[in-house]
């Protein structure tokens, strides 16, 4: 792991422990969103996604990204710490984006619980912070093929000085759409599930934006392929940018 990731983590996370405590408090209080499900088709039943995105302290995923314009960059996700609060295990994750001319680092807190993988907050490289109420569900804990899982939450963005910049009401939808083997230029994975998601933000300024992506998760490994910016009406899972797993420890 690069040295700057370890040294910069404490400098940024320690002032933001209040964010972590607030996020955990909101989660424990049962501050709620909605979840709806539609009828499944015969794809796969009762898949435990925790087996497909195992998070543990000091785990590192390194992905190579490329967009339609031909730009290439490296993305590194590092689990730097695990802390316990009221019986909840919270993981601190550093996201590092590396290009030819700069390195950008952001930090987030996540947790797995019986409902799924949840995103508590994010602190950007410029000091801006993002909070979710309730915690943003990144993945349901268990899924059936073709069934739609919908979660509602509120998102707020704050400046480094604590001023609220804007907010949005979000509806996030997830579907398990495939179970397959995957071959990329960096490796081959035999037990892979594909999860498609759509996120719709209703912003406080009156605008609305919907984004679609798909992630291929290998059992025991985590994300091995990510496609973002998929057109909403596209039948193929091709989008604006694609990330492929290069290595994981």
Protein backbone atom coordinates (compact mmCIF):
# COMPACT_ATOMS: atom_id res chain seq x y z
CA UNK A 1 0.00 0.00 0.00
CA UNK A 2 1.41 3.46 -0.84
CA UNK A 3 2.67 5.30 2.22
CA UNK A 4 0.56 8.39 1.53
CA UNK A 5 -2.60 6.36 2.01
CA UNK A 6 -1.68 5.43 5.57
CA UNK A 7 -0.42 8.83 6.65
CA UNK A 8 -3.27 10.83 5.14
CA UNK A 9 -5.97 8.55 6.55
CA UNK A 10 -5.62 9.60 10.17
CA UNK A 11 -5.29 13.26 9.23
CA UNK A 12 -8.67 13.21 7.53
CA UNK A 13 -10.64 10.57 9.42
CA UNK A 14 -9.93 11.72 12.95
CA UNK A 15 -11.68 15.11 12.45
CA UNK A 16 -14.56 13.22 10.86
CA UNK A 17 -15.22 10.69 13.61
CA UNK A 18 -18.33 12.77 14.36
CA UNK A 19 -19.64 11.87 10.90
CA UNK A 20 -19.11 8.18 11.65
CA UNK A 21 -20.88 8.43 15.01
CA UNK A 22 -23.78 10.35 13.43
CA UNK A 23 -24.14 7.77 10.66
CA UNK A 24 -24.11 4.85 13.08
CA UNK A 25 -26.61 6.62 15.37
CA UNK A 26 -29.00 7.18 12.47
CA UNK A 27 -28.68 3.54 11.46
CA UNK A 28 -29.32 2.20 14.96
CA UNK A 29 -32.34 4.48 15.41
CA UNK A 30 -34.05 2.74 12.49
CA UNK A 31 -34.38 5.90 10.42
CA UNK A 32 -36.02 4.48 7.43
CA UNK A 33 -36.44 4.19 3.65
CA UNK A 34 -38.67 1.86 1.79
CA UNK A 35 -38.05 -1.45 0.09
CA UNK A 36 -40.26 -3.08 -2.50
CA UNK A 37 -39.90 -6.33 -4.42
CA UNK A 38 -41.37 -7.65 -7.66
CA UNK A 39 -41.82 -11.29 -8.64
CA UNK A 40 -38.61 -13.13 -9.61
CA UNK A 41 -37.98 -15.18 -12.72
CA UNK A 42 -35.93 -18.41 -12.68
CA UNK A 43 -32.32 -17.26 -12.60
CA UNK A 44 -30.89 -17.96 -9.16
CA UNK A 45 -32.41 -18.04 -5.70
CA UNK A 46 -31.21 -16.88 -2.31
CA UNK A 47 -27.73 -15.66 -3.25
CA UNK A 48 -25.73 -14.32 -0.29
CA UNK A 49 -23.91 -11.27 -1.67
CA UNK A 50 -21.69 -11.06 1.39
CA UNK A 51 -19.81 -14.03 -0.10
CA UNK A 52 -19.27 -12.04 -3.30
CA UNK A 53 -17.96 -8.85 -1.66
CA UNK A 54 -15.87 -9.97 1.32
CA UNK A 55 -14.51 -6.95 3.18
CA UNK A 56 -11.73 -7.31 5.70
CA UNK A 57 -9.03 -5.09 7.16
CA UNK A 58 -6.02 -4.46 4.85
CA UNK A 59 -7.76 -5.86 1.75
CA UNK A 60 -6.86 -3.97 -1.46
CA UNK A 61 -8.60 -4.07 -4.85
CA UNK A 62 -6.75 -2.53 -7.81
CA UNK A 63 -8.72 -1.85 -11.00
CA UNK A 64 -7.75 -0.47 -14.39
CA UNK A 65 -10.31 1.95 -15.84
CA UNK A 66 -10.93 3.13 -19.40
CA UNK A 67 -13.61 5.40 -20.83
CA UNK A 68 -15.05 5.78 -24.33
CA UNK A 69 -12.67 8.65 -25.08
CA UNK A 70 -9.70 6.38 -24.44
CA UNK A 71 -8.59 7.84 -21.11
CA UNK A 72 -6.99 5.26 -18.78
CA UNK A 73 -6.54 5.48 -15.03
CA UNK A 74 -6.02 3.24 -11.99
CA UNK A 75 -8.48 2.94 -9.12
CA UNK A 76 -7.44 1.42 -5.78
CA UNK A 77 -9.83 0.57 -2.94
CA UNK A 78 -8.09 -0.08 0.38
CA UNK A 79 -9.76 -1.25 3.61
CA UNK A 80 -7.60 0.60 6.11
CA UNK A 81 -9.41 0.01 9.38
CA UNK A 82 -12.27 -1.79 11.10
CA UNK A 83 -13.96 -0.42 14.18
CA UNK A 84 -16.82 -1.67 16.35
CA UNK A 85 -19.59 0.47 17.78
CA UNK A 86 -22.62 -0.97 19.61
CA UNK A 87 -21.91 -4.34 18.02
CA UNK A 88 -21.75 -2.94 14.46
CA UNK A 89 -18.60 -3.53 12.39
CA UNK A 90 -17.69 -0.40 10.40
CA UNK A 91 -14.97 -0.46 7.72
CA UNK A 92 -12.99 2.60 6.66
CA UNK A 93 -12.14 2.47 2.96
CA UNK A 94 -9.78 4.73 1.00
CA UNK A 95 -10.55 5.23 -2.71
CA UNK A 96 -7.51 6.36 -4.69
CA UNK A 97 -7.71 7.47 -8.34
CA UNK A 98 -4.32 7.59 -10.07
CA UNK A 99 -3.77 9.31 -13.42
CA UNK A 100 -0.60 10.44 -15.19
CA UNK A 101 -0.63 13.87 -13.60
CA UNK A 102 -2.37 13.54 -10.23
CA UNK A 103 -3.63 11.31 -7.43
CA UNK A 104 -7.03 11.93 -5.83
CA UNK A 105 -8.00 10.32 -2.52
CA UNK A 106 -11.42 10.07 -0.88
CA UNK A 107 -12.51 8.17 2.22
CA UNK A 108 -15.71 6.37 3.18
CA UNK A 109 -17.22 4.32 5.97
CA UNK A 110 -19.11 1.12 5.10
CA UNK A 111 -20.65 -1.71 7.05
CA UNK A 112 -22.15 -5.14 6.40
CA UNK A 113 -25.18 -6.04 8.51
CA UNK A 114 -28.11 -8.44 8.17
CA UNK A 115 -29.76 -6.16 5.60
CA UNK A 116 -26.74 -5.68 3.34
CA UNK A 117 -23.69 -3.56 2.61
CA UNK A 118 -24.28 0.05 3.64
CA UNK A 119 -22.44 3.29 2.89
CA UNK A 120 -22.44 5.59 5.91
CA UNK A 121 -20.54 8.65 4.66
CA UNK A 122 -17.88 9.84 2.24
CA UNK A 123 -15.21 12.56 2.58
CA UNK A 124 -13.85 13.89 -0.72
CA UNK A 125 -10.34 15.03 -1.58
CA UNK A 126 -11.44 18.68 -1.35
CA UNK A 127 -12.90 18.23 2.14
CA UNK A 128 -16.53 18.03 1.03
CA UNK A 129 -18.52 15.33 2.83
CA UNK A 130 -21.55 13.30 1.83
CA UNK A 131 -24.01 11.91 4.39
CA UNK A 132 -26.88 9.48 3.81
CA UNK A 133 -30.11 9.18 5.83
CA UNK A 134 -30.68 6.29 6.27
CA UNK A 135 -27.37 4.70 5.31
CA UNK A 136 -27.17 4.06 1.55
CA UNK A 137 -27.59 0.38 0.70
CA UNK A 138 -24.85 -0.61 -1.75
CA UNK A 139 -25.92 -4.27 -1.97
CA UNK A 140 -28.77 -6.25 -0.42
CA UNK A 141 -27.60 -9.06 1.85
CA UNK A 142 -29.42 -11.77 -0.11
CA UNK A 143 -31.03 -11.64 -3.56
CA UNK A 144 -33.15 -13.71 -5.92
CA UNK A 145 -32.55 -13.53 -9.65
CA UNK A 146 -34.64 -10.95 -11.46
CA UNK A 147 -36.29 -9.60 -8.32
CA UNK A 148 -36.03 -5.83 -7.93
CA UNK A 149 -34.86 -4.40 -4.61
CA UNK A 150 -35.62 -0.71 -4.07
CA UNK A 151 -34.25 1.59 -1.37
CA UNK A 152 -35.02 5.24 -0.65
CA UNK A 153 -32.71 7.60 1.21
CA UNK A 154 -31.77 11.27 1.55
CA UNK A 155 -28.33 12.52 0.53
CA UNK A 156 -26.69 15.75 1.75
CA UNK A 157 -23.40 17.32 0.60
CA UNK A 158 -21.46 19.63 2.94
CA UNK A 159 -18.40 21.78 2.36
CA UNK A 160 -15.27 21.37 4.45
CA UNK A 161 -16.49 24.33 6.51
CA UNK A 162 -19.76 22.54 7.32
CA UNK A 163 -22.06 24.47 4.96
CA UNK A 164 -24.74 22.41 3.21
CA UNK A 165 -24.16 22.74 -0.53
CA UNK A 166 -27.10 20.74 -1.86
CA UNK A 167 -29.20 17.65 -1.19
CA UNK A 168 -31.24 15.05 -3.04
CA UNK A 169 -33.86 12.41 -2.43
CA UNK A 170 -32.65 9.15 -3.95
CA UNK A 171 -34.28 5.94 -5.11
CA UNK A 172 -31.83 3.10 -5.79
CA UNK A 173 -32.85 -0.13 -7.52
CA UNK A 174 -30.90 -3.40 -7.71
CA UNK A 175 -31.39 -6.62 -9.70
CA UNK A 176 -29.38 -9.81 -9.93
CA UNK A 177 -29.40 -10.32 -13.70
CA UNK A 178 -26.87 -13.08 -14.37
CA UNK A 179 -24.67 -15.79 -12.89
CA UNK A 180 -21.74 -16.74 -15.08
CA UNK A 181 -18.02 -17.16 -15.66
CA UNK A 182 -15.99 -14.11 -16.65
CA UNK A 183 -12.79 -13.86 -18.66
CA UNK A 184 -10.94 -10.54 -18.89
CA UNK A 185 -7.42 -9.61 -19.92
CA UNK A 186 -6.43 -9.75 -16.24
CA UNK A 187 -7.92 -13.07 -15.17
CA UNK A 188 -10.69 -15.65 -15.20
CA UNK A 189 -13.37 -16.07 -12.54
CA UNK A 190 -15.69 -19.08 -12.43
CA UNK A 191 -18.37 -18.07 -9.93
CA UNK A 192 -19.61 -14.58 -10.80
CA UNK A 193 -22.90 -12.76 -10.24
CA UNK A 194 -23.91 -9.63 -12.14
CA UNK A 195 -25.86 -6.94 -10.28
CA UNK A 196 -27.45 -4.09 -12.21
CA UNK A 197 -28.40 -0.87 -10.41
CA UNK A 198 -30.21 2.36 -11.23
CA UNK A 199 -29.99 5.47 -9.09
CA UNK A 200 -32.41 8.38 -9.48
CA UNK A 201 -31.62 11.66 -7.69
CA UNK A 202 -34.30 14.32 -7.21
CA UNK A 203 -32.11 17.34 -6.38
CA UNK A 204 -33.08 20.27 -4.20
CA UNK A 205 -32.80 22.62 -7.22
CA UNK A 206 -35.64 20.79 -8.96
CA UNK A 207 -33.56 18.70 -11.40
CA UNK A 208 -33.60 14.91 -11.69
CA UNK A 209 -30.86 12.55 -12.87
CA UNK A 210 -30.89 8.77 -13.33
CA UNK A 211 -27.70 6.69 -13.65
CA UNK A 212 -27.32 3.02 -14.50
CA UNK A 213 -24.40 0.67 -13.89
CA UNK A 214 -23.56 -3.03 -13.60
CA UNK A 215 -21.01 -4.81 -11.40
CA UNK A 216 -19.62 -8.34 -11.81
CA UNK A 217 -18.78 -9.83 -8.38
CA UNK A 218 -16.66 -12.99 -8.05
CA UNK A 219 -17.28 -15.18 -5.03
CA UNK A 220 -14.58 -14.73 -2.41
CA UNK A 221 -13.00 -11.87 -4.39
CA UNK A 222 -15.33 -8.88 -4.81
CA UNK A 223 -15.88 -6.64 -7.84
CA UNK A 224 -13.97 -7.87 -10.90
CA UNK A 225 -15.69 -5.69 -13.51
CA UNK A 226 -17.62 -2.42 -13.22
CA UNK A 227 -19.44 -0.62 -16.03
CA UNK A 228 -20.81 2.87 -15.37
CA UNK A 229 -22.85 5.26 -17.48
CA UNK A 230 -24.95 2.58 -19.21
CA UNK A 231 -27.74 4.16 -21.31
CA UNK A 232 -31.08 3.62 -19.58
CA UNK A 233 -32.68 1.96 -22.63
CA UNK A 234 -29.63 -0.10 -23.71
CA UNK A 235 -29.93 -3.90 -23.91
CA UNK A 236 -26.16 -4.44 -23.74
CA UNK A 237 -24.22 -3.68 -20.57
CA UNK A 238 -21.85 -1.22 -22.21
CA UNK A 239 -21.34 2.24 -20.80
CA UNK A 240 -19.18 5.33 -20.59
CA UNK A 241 -16.44 3.74 -18.46
CA UNK A 242 -15.29 0.22 -17.57
CA UNK A 243 -13.11 -0.91 -14.67
CA UNK A 244 -11.42 -4.33 -14.60
CA UNK A 245 -9.82 -5.94 -11.55
CA UNK A 246 -6.06 -6.22 -11.97
CA UNK A 247 -5.23 -7.72 -8.57
CA UNK A 248 -6.59 -8.20 -5.05
CA UNK A 249 -4.82 -9.19 -1.85
